[in-house]
N, C-alpha and C. Protein backbone atom coordinates (compact mmCIF):
# COMPACT_ATOMS: atom_id res chain seq x y z
N MET A 1 2.72 13.84 45.69
CA MET A 1 3.36 14.35 44.34
C MET A 1 4.49 13.49 43.90
N ARG A 2 5.22 13.26 45.03
CA ARG A 2 6.68 12.47 44.69
C ARG A 2 6.44 11.30 43.69
N ALA A 3 5.32 10.47 44.20
CA ALA A 3 4.80 9.40 43.86
C ALA A 3 4.46 9.37 42.31
N SER A 4 3.57 10.27 42.25
CA SER A 4 3.04 10.18 40.98
C SER A 4 3.93 10.79 39.59
N PHE A 5 4.75 11.29 40.34
CA PHE A 5 5.69 11.78 39.30
C PHE A 5 6.88 10.53 39.12
N ALA A 6 7.09 9.86 40.04
CA ALA A 6 7.70 8.79 39.64
C ALA A 6 7.02 7.32 38.90
N ALA A 7 5.42 7.39 39.04
CA ALA A 7 4.93 6.76 38.52
C ALA A 7 4.64 7.08 36.85
N ILE A 8 4.69 8.46 36.76
CA ILE A 8 4.88 9.19 35.18
C ILE A 8 6.43 8.63 34.55
N VAL A 9 7.15 8.96 35.39
CA VAL A 9 8.59 8.39 34.92
C VAL A 9 8.48 6.73 34.53
N LEU A 10 8.03 6.55 35.41
CA LEU A 10 7.84 4.43 35.06
C LEU A 10 7.27 4.15 34.02
N VAL A 11 6.01 5.00 33.70
CA VAL A 11 4.95 4.70 32.67
C VAL A 11 5.55 4.75 31.43
N SER A 12 6.36 6.35 31.56
CA SER A 12 7.08 6.62 29.98
C SER A 12 8.31 5.79 29.53
N GLY A 13 9.08 5.01 30.69
CA GLY A 13 9.90 4.62 30.78
C GLY A 13 9.78 3.21 30.16
N LEU A 14 8.66 2.54 30.28
CA LEU A 14 8.11 1.44 30.11
C LEU A 14 7.36 1.54 28.70
N ALA A 15 6.77 2.43 28.06
CA ALA A 15 6.41 2.94 26.92
C ALA A 15 7.50 2.83 25.68
N LEU A 16 8.49 3.47 26.40
CA LEU A 16 9.84 3.60 24.98
C LEU A 16 10.21 2.49 24.94
N ALA A 17 10.52 1.31 26.40
CA ALA A 17 11.06 0.36 25.94
C ALA A 17 10.09 -0.91 25.21
N ALA A 18 8.94 -0.61 25.10
CA ALA A 18 7.98 -1.50 24.24
C ALA A 18 8.05 -1.03 22.95
N ALA A 19 8.30 0.29 22.81
CA ALA A 19 8.33 0.46 21.45
C ALA A 19 9.67 0.66 20.45
N ALA A 20 10.72 0.34 21.44
CA ALA A 20 12.03 0.48 21.04
C ALA A 20 11.96 -0.57 19.74
N PRO A 21 12.01 -1.47 19.91
CA PRO A 21 11.99 -2.77 18.61
C PRO A 21 11.11 -2.20 17.13
N ALA A 22 10.12 -1.54 17.46
CA ALA A 22 9.61 -1.12 16.08
C ALA A 22 10.51 -0.03 15.63
N LEU A 23 10.94 0.90 16.77
CA LEU A 23 11.67 2.11 16.01
C LEU A 23 12.94 1.60 15.61
N ALA A 24 13.48 0.48 15.81
CA ALA A 24 14.65 0.27 15.47
C ALA A 24 14.58 -0.86 14.12
N ALA A 25 13.38 -1.23 14.11
CA ALA A 25 13.14 -1.95 12.50
C ALA A 25 13.02 -1.21 11.39
N GLY A 26 12.95 0.30 11.86
CA GLY A 26 12.73 1.26 10.47
C GLY A 26 11.36 0.99 9.98
N PRO A 27 11.25 1.76 8.49
CA PRO A 27 9.90 2.10 8.02
C PRO A 27 9.57 0.27 7.64
N LYS A 28 8.12 0.42 7.59
CA LYS A 28 7.50 -1.07 7.11
C LYS A 28 7.63 -0.61 5.57
N GLN A 29 7.85 -1.83 4.75
CA GLN A 29 7.58 -2.04 3.46
C GLN A 29 6.39 -2.15 2.88
N PRO A 30 5.68 -1.74 1.81
CA PRO A 30 4.03 -2.00 1.67
C PRO A 30 4.30 -3.65 1.19
N PRO A 31 3.19 -3.82 1.46
CA PRO A 31 3.16 -5.27 0.66
C PRO A 31 3.12 -5.24 -0.76
N PRO A 32 3.17 -6.44 -1.52
CA PRO A 32 3.64 -6.46 -2.90
C PRO A 32 2.01 -6.32 -3.47
N LEU A 33 2.26 -5.85 -4.68
CA LEU A 33 0.81 -5.37 -5.49
C LEU A 33 0.10 -6.86 -5.76
N ALA A 34 -1.09 -6.57 -5.39
CA ALA A 34 -2.25 -7.70 -6.08
C ALA A 34 -1.50 -8.15 -7.29
N LYS A 35 -2.07 -9.58 -7.52
CA LYS A 35 -1.67 -9.77 -8.64
C LYS A 35 -2.71 -9.98 -9.73
N THR A 36 -2.83 -9.58 -10.97
CA THR A 36 -3.75 -9.30 -11.82
C THR A 36 -3.04 -9.69 -13.29
N PRO A 37 -4.05 -9.72 -14.12
CA PRO A 37 -3.92 -10.28 -15.43
C PRO A 37 -2.80 -9.66 -16.07
N ALA A 38 -1.61 -10.31 -17.10
CA ALA A 38 -0.72 -8.98 -17.90
C ALA A 38 -1.73 -8.43 -18.96
N ASP A 39 -1.51 -7.17 -18.99
CA ASP A 39 -2.34 -6.24 -20.02
C ASP A 39 -1.40 -5.00 -19.76
N ALA A 40 -1.78 -3.90 -20.71
CA ALA A 40 -1.34 -2.79 -21.11
C ALA A 40 -0.77 -2.06 -19.64
N LEU A 41 -1.48 -2.05 -18.73
CA LEU A 41 -0.98 -1.66 -16.98
C LEU A 41 0.42 -2.28 -16.92
N THR A 42 0.15 -3.72 -16.82
CA THR A 42 1.31 -4.28 -16.28
C THR A 42 2.82 -4.11 -17.11
N ARG A 43 2.25 -4.09 -18.20
CA ARG A 43 3.49 -3.67 -19.03
C ARG A 43 4.12 -2.43 -18.88
N ALA A 44 3.08 -1.48 -18.95
CA ALA A 44 3.86 -0.18 -18.58
C ALA A 44 4.15 -0.03 -17.09
N LEU A 45 4.30 -0.76 -16.18
CA LEU A 45 4.83 -0.65 -15.11
C LEU A 45 6.11 -1.34 -15.15
N ALA A 46 6.26 -2.37 -16.22
CA ALA A 46 7.50 -3.19 -16.37
C ALA A 46 8.18 -2.45 -16.63
N HIS A 47 7.98 -1.68 -17.53
CA HIS A 47 9.13 -0.52 -18.63
C HIS A 47 9.01 0.82 -17.69
N GLY A 48 8.65 1.24 -16.78
CA GLY A 48 9.12 2.20 -15.88
C GLY A 48 8.00 3.46 -16.42
N GLU A 49 7.19 3.19 -17.18
CA GLU A 49 6.40 4.13 -17.48
C GLU A 49 5.33 4.76 -16.48
N LEU A 50 4.90 3.88 -15.30
CA LEU A 50 4.25 4.19 -14.35
C LEU A 50 4.78 3.68 -13.15
N THR A 51 4.98 4.62 -11.89
CA THR A 51 5.25 4.19 -10.78
C THR A 51 4.30 3.09 -10.14
N PRO A 52 4.85 2.37 -9.14
CA PRO A 52 4.19 1.74 -8.45
C PRO A 52 2.75 2.24 -7.64
N ALA A 53 2.86 3.09 -7.27
CA ALA A 53 1.88 4.05 -6.74
C ALA A 53 0.70 4.44 -7.85
N ARG A 54 1.37 4.90 -9.29
CA ARG A 54 0.09 5.55 -10.16
C ARG A 54 -0.26 3.97 -10.85
N TYR A 55 0.55 2.92 -10.89
CA TYR A 55 -0.07 1.66 -11.32
C TYR A 55 -1.43 1.26 -10.26
N ALA A 56 -1.06 1.45 -8.80
CA ALA A 56 -2.05 0.74 -7.89
C ALA A 56 -3.17 1.78 -8.18
N LEU A 57 -3.24 3.27 -8.33
CA LEU A 57 -4.41 4.06 -8.55
C LEU A 57 -5.00 3.68 -10.07
N GLU A 58 -4.30 3.62 -11.09
CA GLU A 58 -4.69 2.73 -12.49
C GLU A 58 -5.61 1.65 -12.23
N ARG A 59 -4.54 0.76 -11.55
CA ARG A 59 -5.61 -0.76 -11.74
C ARG A 59 -6.74 -0.24 -10.76
N ALA A 60 -7.08 0.38 -9.71
CA ALA A 60 -8.25 0.48 -9.23
C ALA A 60 -9.16 1.03 -9.76
N LEU A 61 -8.92 1.91 -10.63
CA LEU A 61 -9.73 2.61 -11.88
C LEU A 61 -10.55 1.75 -12.77
N THR A 62 -9.77 0.72 -13.06
CA THR A 62 -10.08 -0.45 -13.94
C THR A 62 -11.53 -1.12 -13.24
N LEU A 63 -11.39 -1.01 -12.20
CA LEU A 63 -12.66 -1.70 -11.46
C LEU A 63 -14.18 -0.76 -11.30
N PHE A 64 -13.76 0.36 -11.76
CA PHE A 64 -14.63 1.32 -11.86
C PHE A 64 -14.86 1.84 -13.03
N ARG A 65 -14.00 2.24 -13.88
CA ARG A 65 -13.65 3.25 -15.21
C ARG A 65 -12.90 2.35 -16.06
N PRO A 66 -13.02 1.37 -16.66
CA PRO A 66 -12.22 0.43 -17.45
C PRO A 66 -11.95 1.38 -18.75
N ALA A 67 -12.77 1.66 -19.44
CA ALA A 67 -12.64 2.39 -20.62
C ALA A 67 -12.02 3.41 -20.55
N ARG A 68 -11.65 4.20 -19.21
CA ARG A 68 -11.07 5.36 -19.24
C ARG A 68 -9.50 4.86 -19.16
N VAL A 69 -9.24 3.87 -18.27
CA VAL A 69 -7.98 3.33 -18.30
C VAL A 69 -7.56 2.92 -19.81
N ALA A 70 -7.94 2.18 -20.35
CA ALA A 70 -8.19 1.65 -21.95
C ALA A 70 -7.67 2.90 -22.68
N ALA A 71 -8.23 3.69 -22.60
CA ALA A 71 -8.22 4.70 -23.45
C ALA A 71 -6.72 5.48 -23.36
N ARG A 72 -6.52 5.50 -22.21
CA ARG A 72 -4.73 5.96 -21.79
C ARG A 72 -3.91 5.11 -22.17
N TYR A 73 -3.86 3.96 -21.50
CA TYR A 73 -3.08 2.96 -21.73
C TYR A 73 -2.77 1.74 -22.81
N GLY A 74 -4.20 1.33 -23.31
CA GLY A 74 -4.34 0.55 -24.25
C GLY A 74 -5.32 -0.53 -23.68
N GLU A 75 -5.46 -1.64 -24.12
CA GLU A 75 -6.17 -2.82 -23.71
C GLU A 75 -5.71 -3.13 -22.61
N ILE A 76 -6.75 -3.53 -21.78
CA ILE A 76 -6.53 -3.58 -20.21
C ILE A 76 -7.54 -4.75 -20.06
N ARG A 77 -7.35 -5.48 -19.24
CA ARG A 77 -8.01 -7.20 -19.04
C ARG A 77 -8.53 -6.56 -17.28
N ARG A 78 -9.84 -6.52 -17.30
CA ARG A 78 -10.65 -6.62 -16.17
C ARG A 78 -10.15 -7.65 -14.97
N PRO A 79 -9.87 -7.18 -14.08
CA PRO A 79 -9.59 -8.05 -12.99
C PRO A 79 -10.58 -8.70 -12.24
N ASP A 80 -10.59 -9.64 -11.40
CA ASP A 80 -11.36 -10.79 -10.82
C ASP A 80 -11.89 -9.97 -10.05
N PRO A 81 -13.37 -9.64 -9.84
CA PRO A 81 -14.29 -9.19 -8.86
C PRO A 81 -13.67 -9.33 -7.62
N ARG A 82 -13.44 -10.50 -7.02
CA ARG A 82 -13.02 -10.98 -6.01
C ARG A 82 -11.67 -10.49 -5.40
N SER A 83 -10.63 -9.76 -6.38
CA SER A 83 -9.46 -9.23 -5.87
C SER A 83 -9.64 -8.08 -5.62
N ALA A 84 -10.86 -7.51 -5.76
CA ALA A 84 -10.94 -6.01 -5.53
C ALA A 84 -10.79 -5.47 -3.99
N THR A 85 -10.74 -6.15 -3.37
CA THR A 85 -10.20 -5.90 -1.90
C THR A 85 -9.05 -5.68 -2.12
N LEU A 86 -7.57 -6.44 -2.46
CA LEU A 86 -6.53 -6.19 -2.65
C LEU A 86 -6.15 -5.15 -3.72
N ILE A 87 -6.76 -4.84 -4.34
CA ILE A 87 -6.48 -3.90 -5.59
C ILE A 87 -6.67 -2.62 -4.75
N LEU A 88 -7.82 -2.54 -4.21
CA LEU A 88 -8.13 -1.27 -3.38
C LEU A 88 -7.22 -0.79 -2.24
N ARG A 89 -6.70 -2.01 -1.66
CA ARG A 89 -5.82 -2.13 -0.52
C ARG A 89 -4.32 -1.14 -1.13
N ASP A 90 -4.21 -1.70 -2.34
CA ASP A 90 -2.50 -1.36 -2.87
C ASP A 90 -2.83 0.14 -3.03
């Protein structure tokens, strides 16, 4: 019984020691938004009309419903289909 308690304490201590650098570093910053062509969405983001999170959602929507986004914000340029992975990541 005594040996298993010591093993639990040892494993717990090692786990905390391994996690300490990650905990001390603080929260990670998200990666920068994917590069896209300048259009009404990028202008709205630059002028503070959209938060970066809302911009990312609207930009993802341009992949599937570009007319809906254009009706809200004006002329948009469809992103390169090869950048869809990064846009959806955002």
